[in-house]
C-alpha atoms as a PDB file:
ATOM      1  CA  MET A   1     -82.901 -24.116 -27.937  1.00  0.00           C
ATOM      2  CA  SER A   2     -85.248 -25.986 -30.716  1.00  0.00           C
ATOM      3  CA  ASP A   3     -83.660 -28.549 -33.195  1.00  0.00           C
ATOM      4  CA  THR A   4     -85.928 -27.229 -35.682  1.00  0.00           C
ATOM      5  CA  PRO A   5     -83.218 -26.175 -38.620  1.00  0.00           C
ATOM      6  CA  LEU A   6     -82.987 -22.871 -39.799  1.00  0.00           C
ATOM      7  CA  PRO A   7     -84.733 -21.523 -42.837  1.00  0.00           C
ATOM      8  CA  SER A   8     -82.253 -21.320 -45.747  1.00  0.00           C
ATOM      9  CA  ASP A   9     -82.440 -17.329 -45.813  1.00  0.00           C
ATOM     10  CA  SER A  10     -81.255 -17.493 -41.892  1.00  0.00           C
ATOM     11  CA  LEU A  11     -78.133 -20.009 -42.656  1.00  0.00           C
ATOM     12  CA  THR A  12     -77.145 -17.498 -45.657  1.00  0.00           C
ATOM     13  CA  GLU A  13     -77.123 -14.316 -43.156  1.00  0.00           C
ATOM     14  CA  GLN A  14     -75.277 -16.313 -40.744  1.00  0.00           C
ATOM     15  CA  THR A  15     -72.693 -17.634 -43.351  1.00  0.00           C
ATOM     16  CA  GLU A  16     -72.381 -14.123 -44.699  1.00  0.00           C
ATOM     17  CA  SER A  17     -71.556 -12.579 -41.807  1.00  0.00           C
ATOM     18  CA  GLN A  18     -68.622 -15.075 -40.894  1.00  0.00           C
ATOM     19  CA  PRO A  19     -65.345 -14.055 -42.483  1.00  0.00           C
ATOM     20  CA  ALA A  20     -64.537 -15.046 -45.894  1.00  0.00           C
ATOM     21  CA  GLU A  21     -60.827 -16.430 -45.598  1.00  0.00           C
ATOM     22  CA  GLN A  22     -59.914 -18.299 -42.294  1.00  0.00           C
ATOM     23  CA  SER A  23     -56.213 -19.034 -42.220  1.00  0.00           C
ATOM     24  CA  ALA A  24     -55.207 -22.591 -41.599  1.00  0.00           C
ATOM     25  CA  VAL A  25     -53.093 -22.874 -38.240  1.00  0.00           C
ATOM     26  CA  PRO A  26     -50.709 -25.909 -37.953  1.00  0.00           C
ATOM     27  CA  ASP A  27     -50.682 -28.301 -35.185  1.00  0.00           C
ATOM     28  CA  GLU A  28     -47.763 -28.719 -32.978  1.00  0.00           C
ATOM     29  CA  ALA A  29     -46.210 -31.072 -35.358  1.00  0.00           C
ATOM     30  CA  GLY A  30     -46.571 -28.210 -38.066  1.00  0.00           C
ATOM     31  CA  SER A  31     -49.171 -30.180 -40.239  1.00  0.00           C
ATOM     32  CA  LEU A  32     -52.597 -28.604 -41.455  1.00  0.00           C
ATOM     33  CA  SER A  33     -55.953 -30.758 -40.582  1.00  0.00           C
ATOM     34  CA  ALA A  34     -58.037 -31.856 -43.351  1.00  0.00           C
ATOM     35  CA  ASP A  35     -60.269 -29.215 -42.271  1.00  0.00           C
ATOM     36  CA  ASP A  36     -58.018 -26.570 -42.725  1.00  0.00           C
ATOM     37  CA  THR A  37     -56.774 -27.296 -46.077  1.00  0.00           C
ATOM     38  CA  PRO A  38     -57.306 -24.156 -48.541  1.00  0.00           C
ATOM     39  CA  GLU A  39     -59.936 -23.872 -50.749  1.00  0.00           C
ATOM     40  CA  GLU A  40     -58.037 -22.453 -53.752  1.00  0.00           C
ATOM     41  CA  PRO A  41     -55.075 -24.661 -55.526  1.00  0.00           C
ATOM     42  CA  LEU A  42     -51.746 -23.736 -54.195  1.00  0.00           C
ATOM     43  CA  ARG A  43     -49.471 -21.938 -56.466  1.00  0.00           C
ATOM     44  CA  THR A  44     -46.668 -23.526 -57.562  1.00  0.00           C
ATOM     45  CA  VAL A  45     -43.131 -22.190 -58.392  1.00  0.00           C
ATOM     46  CA  THR A  46     -40.522 -23.948 -59.775  1.00  0.00           C
ATOM     47  CA  SER A  47     -37.065 -24.251 -57.924  1.00  0.00           C
ATOM     48  CA  ALA A  48     -35.474 -22.753 -60.847  1.00  0.00           C
ATOM     49  CA  GLU A  49     -37.985 -19.680 -60.773  1.00  0.00           C
ATOM     50  CA  LEU A  50     -36.799 -18.970 -57.185  1.00  0.00           C
ATOM     51  CA  LEU A  51     -33.049 -19.766 -57.814  1.00  0.00           C
ATOM     52  CA  CYS A  52     -32.712 -17.916 -61.173  1.00  0.00           C
ATOM     53  CA  GLY A  53     -29.995 -19.742 -61.961  1.00  0.00           C
ATOM     54  CA  GLN A  54     -27.820 -19.401 -58.477  1.00  0.00           C
ATOM     55  CA  ARG A  55     -27.420 -22.504 -55.965  1.00  0.00           C
ATOM     56  CA  GLU A  56     -28.335 -20.283 -52.680  1.00  0.00           C
ATOM     57  CA  LEU A  57     -30.887 -18.038 -52.404  1.00  0.00           C
ATOM     58  CA  LEU A  58     -31.740 -16.368 -48.794  1.00  0.00           C
ATOM     59  CA  ILE A  59     -35.589 -16.196 -47.644  1.00  0.00           C
ATOM     60  CA  GLU A  60     -36.492 -13.341 -44.965  1.00  0.00           C
ATOM     61  CA  HIS A  61     -39.576 -14.580 -43.120  1.00  0.00           C
ATOM     62  CA  GLU A  62     -40.970 -13.161 -39.846  1.00  0.00           C
ATOM     63  CA  GLY A  63     -37.526 -11.077 -39.247  1.00  0.00           C
ATOM     64  CA  GLU A  64     -35.425 -14.240 -39.741  1.00  0.00           C
ATOM     65  CA  VAL A  65     -33.542 -15.207 -42.621  1.00  0.00           C
ATOM     66  CA  TYR A  66     -33.243 -18.744 -44.099  1.00  0.00           C
ATOM     67  CA  ARG A  67     -30.984 -20.298 -46.904  1.00  0.00           C
ATOM     68  CA  LEU A  68     -32.553 -22.510 -49.821  1.00  0.00           C
ATOM     69  CA  ARG A  69     -29.486 -24.054 -51.414  1.00  0.00           C
ATOM     70  CA  VAL A  70     -29.269 -26.647 -53.985  1.00  0.00           C
ATOM     71  CA  THR A  71     -26.678 -29.424 -53.079  1.00  0.00           C
ATOM     72  CA  ARG A  72     -24.230 -31.575 -55.596  1.00  0.00           C
ATOM     73  CA  ASN A  73     -27.030 -34.253 -55.648  1.00  0.00           C
ATOM     74  CA  SER A  74     -29.586 -31.411 -56.886  1.00  0.00           C
ATOM     75  CA  ARG A  75     -31.495 -31.512 -53.636  1.00  0.00           C
ATOM     76  CA  LEU A  76     -32.934 -28.747 -51.759  1.00  0.00           C
ATOM     77  CA  ILE A  77     -31.934 -27.796 -48.453  1.00  0.00           C
ATOM     78  CA  LEU A  78     -33.517 -24.837 -46.330  1.00  0.00           C
ATOM     79  CA  GLN A  79     -31.450 -23.610 -43.370  1.00  0.00           C
ATOM     80  CA  LYS A  80     -32.093 -21.375 -40.655  1.00  0.00           C
END
């Protein structure tokens, strides 16, 4: 294979054929690497918007139910 750079048209064709959106995969510790950060800013939701005046909320994720609750000290706890 040659070390000659590809013309810009060839590079564009290769880029366009790749999927536009790639999902980031967490490592063993559950962290995303710097290369996998999303390009768009993350959507921010306040806890008040999620809880709608309640102290607890159930979240269903991939067939599992999680409980998000607010403690007396106004901290959030997520339990499986």
